[in-house]
Amino acid sequence: MEGTQTVEVSRIYRIDGDSNLKAFVDISLSGFVIRGLRIVNGKNGMFVGMPRQQGSDGKWYNIVSPTSKEFYQELTDLVMQAYQK
């Protein structure tokens, strides 16, 4: 992962049923815990969604975002590997 950051999956809560939402994931990132990442089965396959919050306008906004596409891909790979175990 970027620089000296240590990232690991600290918890996976799998969702049973036919929902597109497959799991909630918490990660530890260099001494912080980020809760509420989501594994979603979208129309183009599985992806990792960032934690989000609904604004007063009714739209959903990410509250955590990766700093680059490369970091997002590394994070996705890590989360999906943990989910598939």
C-alpha atoms as a PDB file:
ATOM      1  CA  MET A   1       0.000   0.000   0.000  1.00  0.00           C
ATOM      2  CA  GLU A   2       1.153   3.600  -0.373  1.00  0.00           C
ATOM      3  CA  GLY A   3       4.183   4.691   1.636  1.00  0.00           C
ATOM      4  CA  THR A   4       4.449   3.145   5.078  1.00  0.00           C
ATOM      5  CA  GLN A   5       0.715   2.769   5.589  1.00  0.00           C
ATOM      6  CA  THR A   6      -0.400  -0.525   7.056  1.00  0.00           C
ATOM      7  CA  VAL A   7      -3.832  -1.613   5.882  1.00  0.00           C
ATOM      8  CA  GLU A   8      -5.640  -4.735   7.018  1.00  0.00           C
ATOM      9  CA  VAL A   9      -9.200  -5.975   7.082  1.00  0.00           C
ATOM     10  CA  SER A  10     -10.301  -5.986  10.716  1.00  0.00           C
ATOM     11  CA  ARG A  11     -13.894  -7.244  10.302  1.00  0.00           C
ATOM     12  CA  ILE A  12     -16.226  -8.604   7.633  1.00  0.00           C
ATOM     13  CA  TYR A  13     -19.973  -8.838   8.273  1.00  0.00           C
ATOM     14  CA  ARG A  14     -21.507 -10.932   5.498  1.00  0.00           C
ATOM     15  CA  ILE A  15     -25.107 -10.289   4.417  1.00  0.00           C
ATOM     16  CA  ASP A  16     -27.185 -13.361   3.521  1.00  0.00           C
ATOM     17  CA  GLY A  17     -29.974 -13.294   0.979  1.00  0.00           C
ATOM     18  CA  ASP A  18     -30.555 -11.972  -2.515  1.00  0.00           C
ATOM     19  CA  SER A  19     -29.524  -8.380  -1.838  1.00  0.00           C
ATOM     20  CA  ASN A  20     -26.825  -6.748  -3.976  1.00  0.00           C
ATOM     21  CA  LEU A  21     -25.153  -5.744  -0.706  1.00  0.00           C
ATOM     22  CA  LYS A  22     -22.922  -8.698   0.159  1.00  0.00           C
ATOM     23  CA  ALA A  23     -20.946  -7.466   3.180  1.00  0.00           C
ATOM     24  CA  PHE A  24     -19.889  -4.588   5.392  1.00  0.00           C
ATOM     25  CA  VAL A  25     -16.156  -4.314   5.965  1.00  0.00           C
ATOM     26  CA  ASP A  26     -14.030  -2.456   8.509  1.00  0.00           C
ATOM     27  CA  ILE A  27     -10.351  -1.802   7.817  1.00  0.00           C
ATOM     28  CA  SER A  28      -7.448  -0.687   9.988  1.00  0.00           C
ATOM     29  CA  LEU A  29      -5.300   1.969   8.341  1.00  0.00           C
ATOM     30  CA  SER A  30      -2.122   3.089  10.119  1.00  0.00           C
ATOM     31  CA  GLY A  31      -3.709   3.232  13.569  1.00  0.00           C
ATOM     32  CA  PHE A  32      -7.227   4.230  12.474  1.00  0.00           C
ATOM     33  CA  VAL A  33     -10.301   2.088  11.914  1.00  0.00           C
ATOM     34  CA  ILE A  34     -12.540   2.933   8.986  1.00  0.00           C
ATOM     35  CA  ARG A  35     -15.967   1.333   9.295  1.00  0.00           C
ATOM     36  CA  GLY A  36     -18.670   0.864   6.736  1.00  0.00           C
ATOM     37  CA  LEU A  37     -16.977  -0.113   3.496  1.00  0.00           C
ATOM     38  CA  ARG A  38     -19.409  -2.191   1.465  1.00  0.00           C
ATOM     39  CA  ILE A  39     -18.986  -5.099  -0.911  1.00  0.00           C
ATOM     40  CA  VAL A  40     -21.671  -4.718  -3.562  1.00  0.00           C
ATOM     41  CA  ASN A  41     -22.635  -6.900  -6.504  1.00  0.00           C
ATOM     42  CA  GLY A  42     -23.268  -4.249  -9.162  1.00  0.00           C
ATOM     43  CA  LYS A  43     -24.283  -4.579 -12.800  1.00  0.00           C
ATOM     44  CA  ASN A  44     -20.586  -4.780 -13.790  1.00  0.00           C
ATOM     45  CA  GLY A  45     -19.591  -7.212 -11.032  1.00  0.00           C
ATOM     46  CA  MET A  46     -18.456  -6.974  -7.432  1.00  0.00           C
ATOM     47  CA  PHE A  47     -16.907  -3.762  -6.136  1.00  0.00           C
ATOM     48  CA  VAL A  48     -15.904  -2.110  -2.868  1.00  0.00           C
ATOM     49  CA  GLY A  49     -17.970   0.958  -1.976  1.00  0.00           C
ATOM     50  CA  MET A  50     -16.672   3.574   0.412  1.00  0.00           C
ATOM     51  CA  PRO A  51     -18.533   4.587   3.579  1.00  0.00           C
ATOM     52  CA  ARG A  52     -21.180   7.158   2.770  1.00  0.00           C
ATOM     53  CA  GLN A  53     -23.767   9.412   4.343  1.00  0.00           C
ATOM     54  CA  GLN A  54     -27.005  10.835   3.009  1.00  0.00           C
ATOM     55  CA  GLY A  55     -27.018  14.597   2.670  1.00  0.00           C
ATOM     56  CA  SER A  56     -29.948  16.905   3.351  1.00  0.00           C
ATOM     57  CA  ASP A  57     -30.561  16.963  -0.417  1.00  0.00           C
ATOM     58  CA  GLY A  58     -31.262  13.215  -0.382  1.00  0.00           C
ATOM     59  CA  LYS A  59     -28.081  12.313  -2.302  1.00  0.00           C
ATOM     60  CA  TRP A  60     -25.442   9.954  -0.930  1.00  0.00           C
ATOM     61  CA  TYR A  61     -21.875  11.221  -0.414  1.00  0.00           C
ATOM     62  CA  ASN A  62     -18.706   9.262   0.306  1.00  0.00           C
ATOM     63  CA  ILE A  63     -17.227  10.250   3.657  1.00  0.00           C
ATOM     64  CA  VAL A  64     -13.908   8.501   2.961  1.00  0.00           C
ATOM     65  CA  SER A  65     -12.143   8.460  -0.415  1.00  0.00           C
ATOM     66  CA  PRO A  66      -8.893   6.864  -1.611  1.00  0.00           C
ATOM     67  CA  THR A  67      -6.128   9.260  -2.610  1.00  0.00           C
ATOM     68  CA  SER A  68      -5.487   7.581  -5.983  1.00  0.00           C
ATOM     69  CA  LYS A  69      -6.847   4.952  -8.360  1.00  0.00           C
ATOM     70  CA  GLU A  70      -3.853   2.762  -7.535  1.00  0.00           C
ATOM     71  CA  PHE A  71      -4.571   2.890  -3.790  1.00  0.00           C
ATOM     72  CA  TYR A  72      -8.259   2.121  -4.429  1.00  0.00           C
ATOM     73  CA  GLN A  73      -7.275  -0.899  -6.540  1.00  0.00           C
ATOM     74  CA  GLU A  74      -4.899  -2.191  -3.851  1.00  0.00           C
ATOM     75  CA  LEU A  75      -7.592  -1.690  -1.210  1.00  0.00           C
ATOM     76  CA  THR A  76     -10.163  -3.471  -3.391  1.00  0.00           C
ATOM     77  CA  ASP A  77      -7.792  -6.401  -3.926  1.00  0.00           C
ATOM     78  CA  LEU A  78      -7.133  -6.684  -0.190  1.00  0.00           C
ATOM     79  CA  VAL A  79     -10.835  -6.501   0.775  1.00  0.00           C
ATOM     80  CA  MET A  80     -11.959  -8.951  -1.919  1.00  0.00           C
ATOM     81  CA  GLN A  81      -9.262 -11.474  -0.940  1.00  0.00           C
ATOM     82  CA  ALA A  82     -10.424 -11.331   2.677  1.00  0.00           C
ATOM     83  CA  TYR A  83     -14.077 -11.655   1.600  1.00  0.00           C
ATOM     84  CA  GLN A  84     -13.367 -14.744  -0.510  1.00  0.00           C
ATOM     85  CA  LYS A  85     -11.657 -16.638   2.339  1.00  0.00           C
END
